Amino acid sequence: MKKGLKVFLGAAIVLSAVACSTANDKETKTKETKEKIVETKEDTSVPKEYRNALRSAKTYSDMMHMSKQGIYDQLTSEYGDQFDVETAQYAIDNLNVDYKENALKCGENYKKTMHMSKARIYDQLTSENGEKFTSEEAQYAIDNIKGDYLEAALKSAKNYQETMSMSKDAIYDQLTSEYGEKFTAEEAQYAIDNLDE
């Protein structure tokens, strides 16, 4: 059981990283260029291990848009960076990050790549087994994700239709279920009305 849980947690970290990392290479290259220009000298009075943890934390924030707790967990994880708690805490305390913006970028990627509903995105962002953003950070993301969720519902419905051969009634139930996709009735109905016959 313990081994299975470790494998599951490892897979969850990878899934979260993939879901929240951006696929826009141009944006990443531009950001890296700007960072090189603005880069300042490292504080050599701080132990090398602390500086390494801070650099790693910055990478998790910049590339994967992780939450404060998510970064800390990754820094201290035996399957992650394996820093001790004091070193990881130094990194968290000295990381200059807007976690609301990280939550927004992460939420946008869930909507775009996994076609999640507003409620599912919020749950994923705040989940102890998900992204671990605060409720305030997650709400900021939900309030600022652009566009409606009709197309996300339709894409999710098409996925159920094509991969699981479900009936329209079953798809509607899955889309609106509290244990399923959590789309609104209006979003789910739009999806059903626009599915291929």
Protein backbone atom coordinates (compact mmCIF):
# COMPACT_ATOMS: atom_id res chain seq x y z
CA MET A 1 0.00 0.00 0.00
CA LYS A 2 2.78 2.42 0.91
CA LYS A 3 4.61 1.78 -2.36
CA GLY A 4 1.42 2.33 -4.36
CA LEU A 5 0.81 5.63 -2.56
CA LYS A 6 4.37 6.78 -3.31
CA VAL A 7 3.91 5.95 -7.00
CA PHE A 8 0.53 7.76 -7.00
CA LEU A 9 2.02 10.84 -5.33
CA GLY A 10 4.91 10.86 -7.78
CA ALA A 11 2.48 10.63 -10.70
CA ALA A 12 0.35 13.41 -9.18
CA ILE A 13 3.36 15.73 -9.00
CA VAL A 14 4.20 15.01 -12.63
CA LEU A 15 0.57 15.51 -13.72
CA SER A 16 0.38 18.80 -11.85
CA ALA A 17 3.65 19.95 -13.33
CA VAL A 18 2.53 19.09 -16.85
CA ALA A 19 -0.89 20.64 -16.39
CA CYS A 20 0.40 23.89 -14.96
CA SER A 21 3.51 24.38 -17.06
CA THR A 22 3.08 26.53 -20.11
CA ALA A 23 3.64 25.18 -23.58
CA ASN A 24 4.56 28.58 -25.00
CA ASP A 25 8.29 28.34 -25.81
CA LYS A 26 8.44 31.91 -27.09
CA GLU A 27 7.09 33.25 -23.79
CA THR A 28 9.61 31.14 -21.86
CA LYS A 29 12.56 32.26 -24.00
CA THR A 30 11.56 35.92 -23.66
CA LYS A 31 11.27 35.53 -19.90
CA GLU A 32 14.67 33.79 -19.68
CA THR A 33 16.27 36.60 -21.69
CA LYS A 34 14.76 39.24 -19.41
CA GLU A 35 15.93 37.32 -16.34
CA LYS A 36 19.51 37.20 -17.65
CA ILE A 37 19.46 40.96 -18.16
CA VAL A 38 18.05 41.66 -14.70
CA GLU A 39 20.11 38.97 -12.97
CA THR A 40 22.03 40.22 -9.95
CA LYS A 41 24.99 38.77 -8.12
CA GLU A 42 24.20 35.98 -5.68
CA ASP A 43 24.58 36.70 -2.01
CA THR A 44 27.65 34.61 -1.20
CA SER A 45 27.14 35.19 2.53
CA VAL A 46 24.26 32.70 2.27
CA PRO A 47 25.24 29.01 2.26
CA LYS A 48 25.37 27.39 -1.20
CA GLU A 49 22.66 24.86 -0.25
CA TYR A 50 20.27 27.73 0.58
CA ARG A 51 21.04 29.47 -2.72
CA ASN A 52 20.44 26.21 -4.59
CA ALA A 53 17.08 25.76 -2.88
CA LEU A 54 16.08 29.32 -3.74
CA ARG A 55 17.06 28.82 -7.39
CA SER A 56 15.10 25.58 -7.51
CA ALA A 57 12.06 27.23 -5.91
CA LYS A 58 12.21 30.05 -8.48
CA THR A 59 12.26 27.51 -11.29
CA TYR A 60 9.20 25.71 -9.89
CA SER A 61 7.37 29.03 -9.68
CA ASP A 62 8.43 30.37 -13.09
CA MET A 63 8.07 27.18 -15.12
CA MET A 64 5.32 25.25 -13.34
CA HIS A 65 3.42 28.08 -11.62
CA MET A 66 3.33 26.19 -8.32
CA SER A 67 1.79 27.33 -5.04
CA LYS A 68 3.88 28.20 -1.99
CA GLN A 69 2.96 24.91 -0.31
CA GLY A 70 3.53 22.97 -3.54
CA ILE A 71 7.02 24.45 -3.91
CA TYR A 72 7.87 23.75 -0.28
CA ASP A 73 6.65 20.16 -0.58
CA GLN A 74 8.67 19.63 -3.75
CA LEU A 75 11.81 21.09 -2.17
CA THR A 76 11.55 18.78 0.85
CA SER A 77 10.17 15.67 -0.86
CA GLU A 78 12.25 12.49 -0.89
CA TYR A 79 11.08 12.19 -4.52
CA GLY A 80 11.90 15.83 -5.22
CA ASP A 81 14.83 18.03 -4.25
CA GLN A 82 15.41 16.50 -0.79
CA PHE A 83 16.37 19.77 0.91
CA ASP A 84 16.02 19.86 4.69
CA VAL A 85 13.11 21.87 6.11
CA GLU A 86 15.26 24.81 7.21
CA THR A 87 16.81 25.19 3.76
CA ALA A 88 13.42 24.87 2.04
CA GLN A 89 11.92 27.45 4.40
CA TYR A 90 14.74 29.87 3.56
CA ALA A 91 13.87 29.47 -0.14
CA ILE A 92 10.15 30.05 0.47
CA ASP A 93 10.84 33.08 2.67
CA ASN A 94 13.11 34.67 0.06
CA LEU A 95 11.17 33.82 -3.08
CA ASN A 96 9.53 36.89 -4.59
CA VAL A 97 6.38 35.44 -6.20
CA ASP A 98 2.82 36.54 -6.91
CA TYR A 99 1.02 33.30 -6.02
CA LYS A 100 -2.31 34.66 -7.28
CA GLU A 101 -0.78 34.97 -10.74
CA ASN A 102 0.66 31.46 -10.45
CA ALA A 103 -2.82 30.18 -9.58
CA LEU A 104 -4.27 32.04 -12.56
CA LYS A 105 -1.72 30.59 -15.01
CA CYS A 106 -2.23 27.13 -13.58
CA GLY A 107 -6.02 27.46 -13.77
CA GLU A 108 -5.87 28.71 -17.36
CA ASN A 109 -3.82 25.66 -18.31
CA TYR A 110 -6.32 23.30 -16.67
CA LYS A 111 -9.13 24.91 -18.64
CA LYS A 112 -7.20 24.90 -21.91
CA THR A 113 -5.58 21.46 -21.78
CA MET A 114 -7.93 19.41 -19.61
CA HIS A 115 -11.23 21.20 -20.38
CA MET A 116 -12.17 21.52 -16.72
CA SER A 117 -15.16 23.35 -15.33
CA LYS A 118 -14.82 26.38 -13.07
CA ALA A 119 -15.67 24.27 -9.98
CA ARG A 120 -13.22 21.50 -10.91
CA ILE A 121 -10.43 24.02 -11.51
CA TYR A 122 -11.08 25.59 -8.12
CA ASP A 123 -11.06 22.16 -6.46
CA GLN A 124 -7.82 21.20 -8.20
CA LEU A 125 -6.13 24.47 -7.30
CA THR A 126 -7.02 24.16 -3.60
CA SER A 127 -6.80 20.39 -3.19
CA GLU A 128 -4.33 18.87 -0.74
CA ASN A 129 -3.68 16.28 -3.46
CA GLY A 130 -3.59 18.93 -6.18
CA GLU A 131 -1.96 22.34 -6.39
CA LYS A 132 -2.40 23.47 -2.75
CA PHE A 133 -3.14 27.13 -3.47
CA THR A 134 -5.02 29.08 -0.80
CA SER A 135 -8.74 29.64 -1.33
CA GLU A 136 -8.03 33.34 -1.95
CA GLU A 137 -5.44 32.55 -4.63
CA ALA A 138 -7.74 30.01 -6.29
CA GLN A 139 -10.68 32.41 -6.27
CA TYR A 140 -8.51 35.07 -7.89
CA ALA A 141 -7.71 32.56 -10.64
CA ILE A 142 -11.37 31.63 -11.15
CA ASP A 143 -12.40 35.30 -11.26
CA ASN A 144 -9.76 36.11 -13.89
CA ILE A 145 -9.75 33.13 -16.26
CA LYS A 146 -10.89 34.51 -19.60
CA GLY A 147 -13.74 33.12 -21.67
CA ASP A 148 -16.74 31.02 -20.88
CA TYR A 149 -16.85 27.34 -20.05
CA LEU A 150 -19.26 26.25 -22.80
CA GLU A 151 -16.46 25.10 -25.11
CA ALA A 152 -14.68 23.34 -22.24
CA ALA A 153 -17.89 21.43 -21.49
CA LEU A 154 -18.27 20.51 -25.16
CA LYS A 155 -14.68 19.28 -25.45
CA SER A 156 -15.10 17.24 -22.27
CA ALA A 157 -18.37 15.78 -23.61
CA LYS A 158 -16.74 14.88 -26.93
CA ASN A 159 -13.95 13.14 -25.06
CA TYR A 160 -16.50 11.02 -23.15
CA GLN A 161 -18.38 10.28 -26.37
CA GLU A 162 -15.28 9.23 -28.30
CA THR A 163 -13.27 7.38 -25.65
CA MET A 164 -15.97 5.84 -23.48
CA SER A 165 -18.87 5.46 -25.94
CA MET A 166 -21.29 6.99 -23.43
CA SER A 167 -24.89 7.97 -24.18
CA LYS A 168 -25.86 11.65 -24.18
CA ASP A 169 -27.79 11.18 -20.94
CA ALA A 170 -24.79 9.55 -19.25
CA ILE A 171 -22.48 12.29 -20.55
CA TYR A 172 -24.83 14.99 -19.23
CA ASP A 173 -24.88 13.30 -15.82
CA GLN A 174 -21.09 13.06 -15.80
CA LEU A 175 -20.69 16.69 -16.82
CA THR A 176 -22.97 17.98 -14.06
CA SER A 177 -22.13 15.46 -11.33
CA GLU A 178 -20.68 16.67 -8.04
CA TYR A 179 -18.30 13.69 -8.35
CA GLY A 180 -17.69 14.27 -12.05
CA GLU A 181 -16.94 17.39 -14.06
CA LYS A 182 -19.10 19.88 -12.10
CA PHE A 183 -20.20 21.93 -15.10
CA THR A 184 -23.36 24.01 -14.72
CA ALA A 185 -26.60 22.67 -16.21
CA GLU A 186 -26.40 25.34 -18.93
CA GLU A 187 -22.83 24.40 -19.86
CA ALA A 188 -23.65 20.69 -19.91
CA GLN A 189 -26.77 21.24 -22.03
CA TYR A 190 -24.78 23.30 -24.51
CA ALA A 191 -22.30 20.42 -24.77
CA ILE A 192 -25.05 17.83 -25.32
CA ASP A 193 -26.81 20.01 -27.91
CA ASN A 194 -23.58 20.35 -29.89
CA LEU A 195 -22.34 16.77 -29.79
CA ASP A 196 -22.06 14.88 -33.07
CA GLU A 197 -24.93 12.54 -33.81
